[in-house]
Amino acid sequence: MMRRLLLFATILAILGNPFAGSPSAAPAAAAVVASTTLHYFSTESSAHAHCPHDVVVWLNIPSGIYHYKGERWYGRTRNGAFVCEKEAIAAGDRASENGQ
């Protein structure tokens, strides 16, 4: 859901907002997109270097579900990357519900 909103905000920022009366609404939409940037890392150590005071999780990118170290799918899904948990939450991703 959050990714769809971000995509919509990006499109509005690029093309302009047809719903707004002034062109000043587009930079605000671009600011929303910039504040929820998610950085993907191929190694756990590079993710930890990016966010040393946050928990590094494994994000399954297509599903938007992340896994903690020690869980079954941590580092094992086909289309995934290491990310910072706070960034993942801000991007609308969520933790696995069954601890796998």
N, C-alpha and C. Protein backbone atom coordinates (compact mmCIF):
# COMPACT_ATOMS: atom_id res chain seq x y z
N MET A 1 0.83 -1.18 0.00
CA MET A 1 0.00 0.00 0.00
C MET A 1 0.88 1.25 0.00
N MET A 2 1.88 1.25 0.89
CA MET A 2 2.75 2.41 0.99
C MET A 2 3.55 2.61 -0.30
N ARG A 3 3.95 1.51 -0.92
CA ARG A 3 4.71 1.62 -2.17
C ARG A 3 3.86 2.22 -3.27
N ARG A 4 2.57 1.88 -3.29
CA ARG A 4 1.67 2.46 -4.30
C ARG A 4 1.52 3.95 -4.08
N LEU A 5 1.42 4.36 -2.81
CA LEU A 5 1.32 5.78 -2.51
C LEU A 5 2.59 6.52 -2.92
N LEU A 6 3.74 5.90 -2.66
CA LEU A 6 5.00 6.52 -3.06
C LEU A 6 5.12 6.63 -4.57
N LEU A 7 4.66 5.60 -5.28
CA LEU A 7 4.68 5.64 -6.73
C LEU A 7 3.78 6.76 -7.23
N PHE A 8 2.60 6.88 -6.65
CA PHE A 8 1.67 7.95 -7.04
C PHE A 8 2.27 9.32 -6.75
N ALA A 9 2.92 9.47 -5.59
CA ALA A 9 3.56 10.74 -5.24
C ALA A 9 4.69 11.07 -6.21
N THR A 10 5.43 10.05 -6.63
CA THR A 10 6.52 10.26 -7.59
C THR A 10 5.97 10.72 -8.94
N ILE A 11 4.93 10.08 -9.38
CA ILE A 11 4.31 10.47 -10.66
C ILE A 11 3.80 11.90 -10.58
N LEU A 12 3.17 12.25 -9.47
CA LEU A 12 2.69 13.63 -9.30
C LEU A 12 3.85 14.62 -9.29
N ALA A 13 4.96 14.22 -8.68
CA ALA A 13 6.12 15.11 -8.63
C ALA A 13 6.71 15.33 -10.01
N ILE A 14 6.70 14.31 -10.83
CA ILE A 14 7.28 14.41 -12.16
C ILE A 14 6.35 15.14 -13.12
N LEU A 15 5.09 14.76 -13.12
CA LEU A 15 4.14 15.31 -14.09
C LEU A 15 3.40 16.54 -13.59
N GLY A 16 3.45 16.79 -12.31
CA GLY A 16 2.67 17.88 -11.75
C GLY A 16 1.37 17.34 -11.21
N ASN A 17 0.79 18.04 -10.27
CA ASN A 17 -0.44 17.58 -9.62
C ASN A 17 -1.65 18.22 -10.28
N PRO A 18 -2.47 17.44 -11.00
CA PRO A 18 -3.64 18.03 -11.65
C PRO A 18 -4.73 18.40 -10.64
N PHE A 19 -4.62 17.93 -9.39
CA PHE A 19 -5.62 18.21 -8.38
C PHE A 19 -5.33 19.48 -7.60
N ALA A 20 -4.13 19.98 -7.70
CA ALA A 20 -3.75 21.18 -6.97
C ALA A 20 -3.91 22.41 -7.86
N GLY A 21 -4.23 23.52 -7.23
CA GLY A 21 -4.42 24.76 -7.98
C GLY A 21 -3.11 25.45 -8.33
N SER A 22 -2.04 25.11 -7.63
CA SER A 22 -0.76 25.76 -7.88
C SER A 22 0.32 24.72 -8.14
N PRO A 23 1.37 25.09 -8.87
CA PRO A 23 2.44 24.13 -9.14
C PRO A 23 3.34 23.87 -7.93
N SER A 24 3.11 24.51 -6.81
CA SER A 24 3.97 24.32 -5.65
C SER A 24 3.71 23.00 -4.94
N ALA A 25 2.68 22.26 -5.30
CA ALA A 25 2.38 20.98 -4.65
C ALA A 25 3.36 19.88 -5.07
N ALA A 26 3.94 19.98 -6.25
CA ALA A 26 4.85 18.95 -6.74
C ALA A 26 6.11 18.80 -5.89
N PRO A 27 6.78 19.87 -5.46
CA PRO A 27 7.96 19.67 -4.61
C PRO A 27 7.64 19.00 -3.28
N ALA A 28 6.46 19.23 -2.74
CA ALA A 28 6.08 18.57 -1.50
C ALA A 28 5.97 17.06 -1.70
N ALA A 29 5.43 16.63 -2.82
CA ALA A 29 5.32 15.20 -3.12
C ALA A 29 6.70 14.60 -3.28
N ALA A 30 7.62 15.31 -3.91
CA ALA A 30 8.98 14.82 -4.08
C ALA A 30 9.68 14.68 -2.74
N ALA A 31 9.39 15.57 -1.79
CA ALA A 31 9.99 15.48 -0.47
C ALA A 31 9.52 14.24 0.27
N VAL A 32 8.27 13.86 0.08
CA VAL A 32 7.75 12.65 0.72
C VAL A 32 8.48 11.43 0.20
N VAL A 33 8.72 11.36 -1.09
CA VAL A 33 9.41 10.23 -1.69
C VAL A 33 10.85 10.16 -1.19
N ALA A 34 11.52 11.29 -1.10
CA ALA A 34 12.91 11.32 -0.69
C ALA A 34 13.08 10.89 0.77
N SER A 35 12.09 11.15 1.61
CA SER A 35 12.24 10.84 3.03
C SER A 35 12.07 9.35 3.33
N THR A 36 11.56 8.57 2.40
CA THR A 36 11.35 7.14 2.65
C THR A 36 12.20 6.28 1.72
N THR A 37 13.39 6.75 1.40
CA THR A 37 14.28 5.99 0.54
C THR A 37 14.79 4.75 1.28
N LEU A 38 14.72 3.62 0.62
CA LEU A 38 15.17 2.37 1.19
C LEU A 38 16.46 1.96 0.49
N HIS A 39 17.51 1.74 1.26
CA HIS A 39 18.80 1.35 0.71
C HIS A 39 18.94 -0.17 0.81
N TYR A 40 19.23 -0.81 -0.33
CA TYR A 40 19.43 -2.26 -0.37
C TYR A 40 20.92 -2.57 -0.33
N PHE A 41 21.30 -3.61 0.43
CA PHE A 41 22.69 -4.01 0.55
C PHE A 41 22.82 -5.50 0.29
N SER A 42 23.90 -5.89 -0.37
CA SER A 42 24.11 -7.30 -0.69
C SER A 42 24.77 -8.06 0.46
N THR A 43 25.38 -7.34 1.40
CA THR A 43 26.00 -8.00 2.55
C THR A 43 25.47 -7.39 3.85
N GLU A 44 25.46 -8.21 4.86
CA GLU A 44 24.99 -7.76 6.18
C GLU A 44 25.92 -6.68 6.74
N SER A 45 27.22 -6.82 6.51
CA SER A 45 28.18 -5.86 7.06
C SER A 45 28.04 -4.48 6.42
N SER A 46 27.75 -4.43 5.13
CA SER A 46 27.57 -3.12 4.49
C SER A 46 26.29 -2.45 4.97
N ALA A 47 25.25 -3.22 5.25
CA ALA A 47 24.02 -2.65 5.80
C ALA A 47 24.28 -2.13 7.21
N HIS A 48 25.03 -2.88 8.00
CA HIS A 48 25.34 -2.46 9.36
C HIS A 48 26.20 -1.19 9.36
N ALA A 49 27.07 -1.05 8.38
CA ALA A 49 27.89 0.17 8.28
C ALA A 49 27.01 1.38 7.96
N HIS A 50 25.95 1.16 7.19
CA HIS A 50 25.03 2.25 6.83
C HIS A 50 24.18 2.68 8.01
N CYS A 51 23.77 1.73 8.84
CA CYS A 51 22.90 2.04 9.99
C CYS A 51 23.43 1.33 11.24
N PRO A 52 24.51 1.84 11.83
CA PRO A 52 25.14 1.14 12.96
C PRO A 52 24.27 1.09 14.22
N HIS A 53 23.28 1.97 14.35
CA HIS A 53 22.45 2.00 15.55
C HIS A 53 21.05 1.43 15.29
N ASP A 54 20.92 0.64 14.26
CA ASP A 54 19.64 0.05 13.90
C ASP A 54 19.83 -1.45 13.67
N VAL A 55 18.74 -2.18 13.66
CA VAL A 55 18.77 -3.61 13.42
C VAL A 55 18.80 -3.87 11.92
N VAL A 56 19.71 -4.73 11.48
CA VAL A 56 19.76 -5.11 10.07
C VAL A 56 18.84 -6.31 9.88
N VAL A 57 17.97 -6.22 8.87
CA VAL A 57 17.02 -7.29 8.58
C VAL A 57 17.16 -7.70 7.12
N TRP A 58 16.63 -8.87 6.80
CA TRP A 58 16.60 -9.35 5.41
C TRP A 58 15.21 -9.07 4.87
N LEU A 59 15.13 -8.27 3.81
CA LEU A 59 13.85 -7.91 3.23
C LEU A 59 13.59 -8.72 1.97
N ASN A 60 12.46 -9.42 1.94
CA ASN A 60 11.99 -10.06 0.72
C ASN A 60 11.31 -8.95 -0.07
N ILE A 61 11.96 -8.44 -1.09
CA ILE A 61 11.53 -7.23 -1.79
C ILE A 61 10.14 -7.36 -2.41
N PRO A 62 9.81 -8.43 -3.13
CA PRO A 62 8.48 -8.49 -3.74
C PRO A 62 7.33 -8.51 -2.73
N SER A 63 7.53 -9.17 -1.59
CA SER A 63 6.44 -9.28 -0.62
C SER A 63 6.43 -8.14 0.39
N GLY A 64 7.56 -7.48 0.59
CA GLY A 64 7.64 -6.42 1.59
C GLY A 64 7.69 -6.95 3.01
N ILE A 65 8.09 -8.20 3.17
CA ILE A 65 8.19 -8.81 4.50
C ILE A 65 9.66 -8.99 4.84
N TYR A 66 10.05 -8.56 6.05
CA TYR A 66 11.45 -8.71 6.43
C TYR A 66 11.61 -9.72 7.57
N HIS A 67 12.82 -10.28 7.66
CA HIS A 67 13.14 -11.35 8.61
C HIS A 67 14.34 -10.95 9.44
N TYR A 68 14.30 -11.31 10.72
CA TYR A 68 15.39 -11.03 11.64
C TYR A 68 16.45 -12.12 11.58
N LYS A 69 17.67 -11.78 12.00
CA LYS A 69 18.76 -12.74 12.05
C LYS A 69 18.35 -13.91 12.95
N GLY A 70 18.61 -15.11 12.47
CA GLY A 70 18.25 -16.30 13.21
C GLY A 70 16.94 -16.93 12.75
N GLU A 71 16.16 -16.19 11.98
CA GLU A 71 14.92 -16.74 11.45
C GLU A 71 15.21 -17.55 10.19
N ARG A 72 14.28 -18.39 9.83
CA ARG A 72 14.47 -19.35 8.73
C ARG A 72 14.86 -18.68 7.41
N TRP A 73 14.20 -17.58 7.04
CA TRP A 73 14.41 -17.00 5.71
C TRP A 73 15.40 -15.83 5.71
N TYR A 74 16.09 -15.60 6.81
CA TYR A 74 17.07 -14.51 6.88
C TYR A 74 18.20 -14.78 5.88
N GLY A 75 18.31 -13.94 4.88
CA GLY A 75 19.36 -14.07 3.87
C GLY A 75 19.12 -15.17 2.85
N ARG A 76 17.91 -15.75 2.81
CA ARG A 76 17.69 -16.92 1.97
C ARG A 76 16.64 -16.76 0.88
N THR A 77 15.89 -15.67 0.84
CA THR A 77 14.88 -15.55 -0.22
C THR A 77 15.57 -15.15 -1.52
N ARG A 78 14.96 -15.51 -2.61
CA ARG A 78 15.57 -15.28 -3.92
C ARG A 78 15.72 -13.80 -4.26
N ASN A 79 14.69 -13.03 -4.03
CA ASN A 79 14.70 -11.60 -4.37
C ASN A 79 14.69 -10.78 -3.09
N GLY A 80 15.83 -10.70 -2.45
CA GLY A 80 15.91 -9.98 -1.19
C GLY A 80 17.20 -9.22 -1.04
N ALA A 81 17.27 -8.45 0.05
CA ALA A 81 18.46 -7.65 0.33
C ALA A 81 18.48 -7.33 1.82
N PHE A 82 19.66 -7.00 2.33
CA PHE A 82 19.78 -6.55 3.70
C PHE A 82 19.41 -5.07 3.74
N VAL A 83 18.62 -4.69 4.74
CA VAL A 83 18.19 -3.30 4.90
C VAL A 83 18.17 -2.96 6.38
N CYS A 84 18.04 -1.68 6.68
CA CYS A 84 17.88 -1.22 8.06
C CYS A 84 16.40 -1.31 8.42
N GLU A 85 16.10 -1.82 9.59
CA GLU A 85 14.71 -2.03 9.97
C GLU A 85 13.90 -0.74 9.96
N LYS A 86 14.44 0.34 10.47
CA LYS A 86 13.70 1.61 10.51
C LYS A 86 13.35 2.10 9.10
N GLU A 87 14.27 1.93 8.16
CA GLU A 87 14.00 2.33 6.77
C GLU A 87 12.92 1.44 6.16
N ALA A 88 12.97 0.15 6.48
CA ALA A 88 11.96 -0.78 5.96
C ALA A 88 10.57 -0.42 6.48
N ILE A 89 10.48 -0.10 7.76
CA ILE A 89 9.20 0.29 8.34
C ILE A 89 8.69 1.57 7.69
N ALA A 90 9.59 2.55 7.51
CA ALA A 90 9.19 3.82 6.88
C ALA A 90 8.72 3.61 5.44
N ALA A 91 9.24 2.58 4.77
CA ALA A 91 8.85 2.30 3.39
C ALA A 91 7.56 1.47 3.31
N GLY A 92 7.02 1.08 4.47
CA GLY A 92 5.77 0.32 4.48
C GLY A 92 5.94 -1.18 4.54
N ASP A 93 7.15 -1.66 4.77
CA ASP A 93 7.38 -3.10 4.88
C ASP A 93 7.07 -3.54 6.32
N ARG A 94 6.92 -4.84 6.52
CA ARG A 94 6.58 -5.34 7.84
C ARG A 94 7.39 -6.60 8.16
N ALA A 95 7.47 -6.91 9.46
CA ALA A 95 8.17 -8.10 9.92
C ALA A 95 7.34 -9.34 9.63
N SER A 96 8.00 -10.49 9.55
CA SER A 96 7.26 -11.74 9.37
C SER A 96 6.43 -11.99 10.62
N GLU A 97 5.26 -12.55 10.43
CA GLU A 97 4.35 -12.75 11.56
C GLU A 97 4.55 -14.09 12.25
N ASN A 98 5.15 -15.05 11.57
CA ASN A 98 5.28 -16.37 12.16
C ASN A 98 6.72 -16.71 12.57
N GLY A 99 7.58 -15.73 12.59
CA GLY A 99 8.95 -15.96 13.05
C GLY A 99 9.80 -16.79 12.12
N GLN A 100 9.42 -16.85 10.88
CA GLN A 100 10.21 -17.59 9.90
C GLN A 100 10.98 -16.61 9.10
